[in-house]
Amino acid sequence: MEFNLSNALNQGRRVNDIAADIRSSKNSLNVVKGSLGSSWKATEMTYINHHFDQLTTEISRLATELESIGNDIQSTANEVHREIEEKKAAEAKAKAEAEAKAKADAEAKAEAAAKAKANP
């Protein structure tokens, strides 16, 4: 299975975008809370404000958690990509070394055969 760094990074960015959207929703909720508080002066507002505060706290926590997940996705994607590139480089080096050894062995064998032929 081929690893697609670009897709993985995009997925991480998308999760971060969702976290930003959630934070924006929290800000909108705070605007509603402010508007409601300025236009409705009932006793119930204490309880309503308390629940607004609980919601915004939870929304902030979720946004932070999502942002952390998005960053982890991007970090892991970069790490996997680096590991794949290191493995490819190691395989290419091993192949080049094996080819160089095979060539050196063939040359040594040819040289030994030439010496044997020259000195019967």
C-alpha atoms as a PDB file:
ATOM      1  CA  MET A   1       0.000   0.000   0.000  1.00  0.00           C
ATOM      2  CA  GLU A   2       1.387   3.366  -1.031  1.00  0.00           C
ATOM      3  CA  PHE A   3       1.629   6.072   1.632  1.00  0.00           C
ATOM      4  CA  ASN A   4       0.333   9.442   0.466  1.00  0.00           C
ATOM      5  CA  LEU A   5       1.945  12.187   2.541  1.00  0.00           C
ATOM      6  CA  SER A   6      -0.116  14.936   0.952  1.00  0.00           C
ATOM      7  CA  ASN A   7      -3.426  13.225   1.773  1.00  0.00           C
ATOM      8  CA  ALA A   8      -2.365  12.541   5.351  1.00  0.00           C
ATOM      9  CA  LEU A   9      -1.256  16.151   5.872  1.00  0.00           C
ATOM     10  CA  ASN A  10      -4.514  17.382   4.353  1.00  0.00           C
ATOM     11  CA  GLN A  11      -6.499  15.193   6.748  1.00  0.00           C
ATOM     12  CA  GLY A  12      -4.600  16.675   9.676  1.00  0.00           C
ATOM     13  CA  ARG A  13      -5.258  20.194   8.383  1.00  0.00           C
ATOM     14  CA  ARG A  14      -8.949  19.355   7.965  1.00  0.00           C
ATOM     15  CA  VAL A  15      -9.189  18.231  11.587  1.00  0.00           C
ATOM     16  CA  ASN A  16      -7.519  21.509  12.615  1.00  0.00           C
ATOM     17  CA  ASP A  17     -10.011  23.423  10.445  1.00  0.00           C
ATOM     18  CA  ILE A  18     -12.866  21.663  12.226  1.00  0.00           C
ATOM     19  CA  ALA A  19     -11.336  22.700  15.562  1.00  0.00           C
ATOM     20  CA  ALA A  20     -11.255  26.308  14.322  1.00  0.00           C
ATOM     21  CA  ASP A  21     -14.906  26.043  13.238  1.00  0.00           C
ATOM     22  CA  ILE A  22     -15.810  24.743  16.684  1.00  0.00           C
ATOM     23  CA  ARG A  23     -13.995  27.681  18.294  1.00  0.00           C
ATOM     24  CA  SER A  24     -15.922  30.023  16.018  1.00  0.00           C
ATOM     25  CA  SER A  25     -19.163  28.387  17.167  1.00  0.00           C
ATOM     26  CA  LYS A  26     -18.081  28.965  20.761  1.00  0.00           C
ATOM     27  CA  ASN A  27     -17.580  32.650  19.999  1.00  0.00           C
ATOM     28  CA  SER A  28     -21.044  32.796  18.434  1.00  0.00           C
ATOM     29  CA  LEU A  29     -22.468  31.143  21.530  1.00  0.00           C
ATOM     30  CA  ASN A  30     -20.821  33.820  23.680  1.00  0.00           C
ATOM     31  CA  VAL A  31     -22.411  36.518  21.505  1.00  0.00           C
ATOM     32  CA  VAL A  32     -25.835  34.906  21.999  1.00  0.00           C
ATOM     33  CA  LYS A  33     -25.178  34.699  25.740  1.00  0.00           C
ATOM     34  CA  GLY A  34     -24.297  38.407  25.824  1.00  0.00           C
ATOM     35  CA  SER A  35     -27.335  39.406  23.782  1.00  0.00           C
ATOM     36  CA  LEU A  36     -29.637  37.282  25.881  1.00  0.00           C
ATOM     37  CA  GLY A  37     -28.153  38.620  29.095  1.00  0.00           C
ATOM     38  CA  SER A  38     -28.558  42.232  28.037  1.00  0.00           C
ATOM     39  CA  SER A  39     -32.172  41.821  26.942  1.00  0.00           C
ATOM     40  CA  TRP A  40     -33.514  39.375  29.537  1.00  0.00           C
ATOM     41  CA  LYS A  41     -33.081  40.272  33.187  1.00  0.00           C
ATOM     42  CA  ALA A  42     -34.855  37.319  34.799  1.00  0.00           C
ATOM     43  CA  THR A  43     -33.625  35.236  37.726  1.00  0.00           C
ATOM     44  CA  GLU A  44     -33.281  32.287  35.380  1.00  0.00           C
ATOM     45  CA  MET A  45     -30.389  34.052  33.648  1.00  0.00           C
ATOM     46  CA  THR A  46     -28.043  32.905  36.422  1.00  0.00           C
ATOM     47  CA  TYR A  47     -28.774  29.284  35.513  1.00  0.00           C
ATOM     48  CA  ILE A  48     -28.782  29.967  31.786  1.00  0.00           C
ATOM     49  CA  ASN A  49     -25.415  31.756  32.007  1.00  0.00           C
ATOM     50  CA  HIS A  50     -24.028  28.875  34.051  1.00  0.00           C
ATOM     51  CA  HIS A  51     -25.034  26.418  31.318  1.00  0.00           C
ATOM     52  CA  PHE A  52     -23.661  28.697  28.599  1.00  0.00           C
ATOM     53  CA  ASP A  53     -20.366  28.747  30.506  1.00  0.00           C
ATOM     54  CA  GLN A  54     -20.355  24.958  30.824  1.00  0.00           C
ATOM     55  CA  LEU A  55     -21.021  24.616  27.092  1.00  0.00           C
ATOM     56  CA  THR A  56     -18.272  27.035  26.108  1.00  0.00           C
ATOM     57  CA  THR A  57     -15.812  25.288  28.431  1.00  0.00           C
ATOM     58  CA  GLU A  58     -16.655  21.910  26.901  1.00  0.00           C
ATOM     59  CA  ILE A  59     -16.486  23.333  23.370  1.00  0.00           C
ATOM     60  CA  SER A  60     -13.042  24.791  24.118  1.00  0.00           C
ATOM     61  CA  ARG A  61     -11.867  21.450  25.489  1.00  0.00           C
ATOM     62  CA  LEU A  62     -13.129  19.598  22.417  1.00  0.00           C
ATOM     63  CA  ALA A  63     -11.549  22.116  20.041  1.00  0.00           C
ATOM     64  CA  THR A  64      -8.217  21.810  21.843  1.00  0.00           C
ATOM     65  CA  GLU A  65      -8.417  18.017  21.727  1.00  0.00           C
ATOM     66  CA  LEU A  66      -9.254  18.056  18.006  1.00  0.00           C
ATOM     67  CA  GLU A  67      -6.399  20.443  17.317  1.00  0.00           C
ATOM     68  CA  SER A  68      -4.044  18.118  19.164  1.00  0.00           C
ATOM     69  CA  ILE A  69      -5.306  15.184  17.085  1.00  0.00           C
ATOM     70  CA  GLY A  70      -4.852  17.168  13.862  1.00  0.00           C
ATOM     71  CA  ASN A  71      -1.293  18.063  14.835  1.00  0.00           C
ATOM     72  CA  ASP A  72      -0.599  14.431  15.781  1.00  0.00           C
ATOM     73  CA  ILE A  73      -1.878  13.284  12.378  1.00  0.00           C
ATOM     74  CA  GLN A  74       0.456  15.700  10.602  1.00  0.00           C
ATOM     75  CA  SER A  75       3.416  14.859  12.819  1.00  0.00           C
ATOM     76  CA  THR A  76       2.881  11.121  12.387  1.00  0.00           C
ATOM     77  CA  ALA A  77       2.464  11.511   8.626  1.00  0.00           C
ATOM     78  CA  ASN A  78       5.795  13.331   8.406  1.00  0.00           C
ATOM     79  CA  GLU A  79       7.454  10.694  10.581  1.00  0.00           C
ATOM     80  CA  VAL A  80       6.087   7.821   8.468  1.00  0.00           C
ATOM     81  CA  HIS A  81       7.227   9.609   5.306  1.00  0.00           C
ATOM     82  CA  ARG A  82      10.728  10.079   6.763  1.00  0.00           C
ATOM     83  CA  GLU A  83      10.896   6.392   7.723  1.00  0.00           C
ATOM     84  CA  ILE A  84       9.810   5.326   4.233  1.00  0.00           C
ATOM     85  CA  GLU A  85      12.436   7.577   2.643  1.00  0.00           C
ATOM     86  CA  GLU A  86      15.131   6.264   5.006  1.00  0.00           C
ATOM     87  CA  LYS A  87      14.160   2.674   4.162  1.00  0.00           C
ATOM     88  CA  LYS A  88      14.297   3.424   0.422  1.00  0.00           C
ATOM     89  CA  ALA A  89      17.716   5.057   0.832  1.00  0.00           C
ATOM     90  CA  ALA A  90      19.014   2.080   2.853  1.00  0.00           C
ATOM     91  CA  GLU A  91      17.697  -0.356   0.232  1.00  0.00           C
ATOM     92  CA  ALA A  92      19.286   1.668  -2.585  1.00  0.00           C
ATOM     93  CA  LYS A  93      22.600   1.771  -0.693  1.00  0.00           C
ATOM     94  CA  ALA A  94      22.499  -1.985  -0.033  1.00  0.00           C
ATOM     95  CA  LYS A  95      21.727  -2.644  -3.699  1.00  0.00           C
ATOM     96  CA  ALA A  96      24.571  -0.380  -4.858  1.00  0.00           C
ATOM     97  CA  GLU A  97      26.984  -2.067  -2.431  1.00  0.00           C
ATOM     98  CA  ALA A  98      25.890  -5.528  -3.603  1.00  0.00           C
ATOM     99  CA  GLU A  99      26.337  -4.505  -7.244  1.00  0.00           C
ATOM    100  CA  ALA A 100      29.781  -3.034  -6.501  1.00  0.00           C
ATOM    101  CA  LYS A 101      30.800  -6.236  -4.677  1.00  0.00           C
ATOM    102  CA  ALA A 102      29.524  -8.406  -7.528  1.00  0.00           C
ATOM    103  CA  LYS A 103      31.451  -6.271 -10.020  1.00  0.00           C
ATOM    104  CA  ALA A 104      34.628  -6.431  -7.909  1.00  0.00           C
ATOM    105  CA  ASP A 105      34.252 -10.211  -7.533  1.00  0.00           C
ATOM    106  CA  ALA A 106      33.755 -10.606 -11.289  1.00  0.00           C
ATOM    107  CA  GLU A 107      36.807  -8.446 -12.010  1.00  0.00           C
ATOM    108  CA  ALA A 108      38.902 -10.404  -9.499  1.00  0.00           C
ATOM    109  CA  LYS A 109      37.741 -13.675 -11.043  1.00  0.00           C
ATOM    110  CA  ALA A 110      38.557 -12.405 -14.546  1.00  0.00           C
ATOM    111  CA  GLU A 111      41.972 -11.207 -13.390  1.00  0.00           C
ATOM    112  CA  ALA A 112      42.702 -14.553 -11.734  1.00  0.00           C
ATOM    113  CA  ALA A 113      41.633 -16.365 -14.907  1.00  0.00           C
ATOM    114  CA  ALA A 114      43.875 -14.109 -17.009  1.00  0.00           C
ATOM    115  CA  LYS A 115      46.849 -14.767 -14.694  1.00  0.00           C
ATOM    116  CA  ALA A 116      46.197 -18.499 -14.763  1.00  0.00           C
ATOM    117  CA  LYS A 117      46.068 -18.398 -18.545  1.00  0.00           C
ATOM    118  CA  ALA A 118      49.279 -16.350 -18.741  1.00  0.00           C
ATOM    119  CA  ASN A 119      51.120 -18.657 -16.309  1.00  0.00           C
ATOM    120  CA  PRO A 120      50.083 -22.209 -17.204  1.00  0.00           C
END
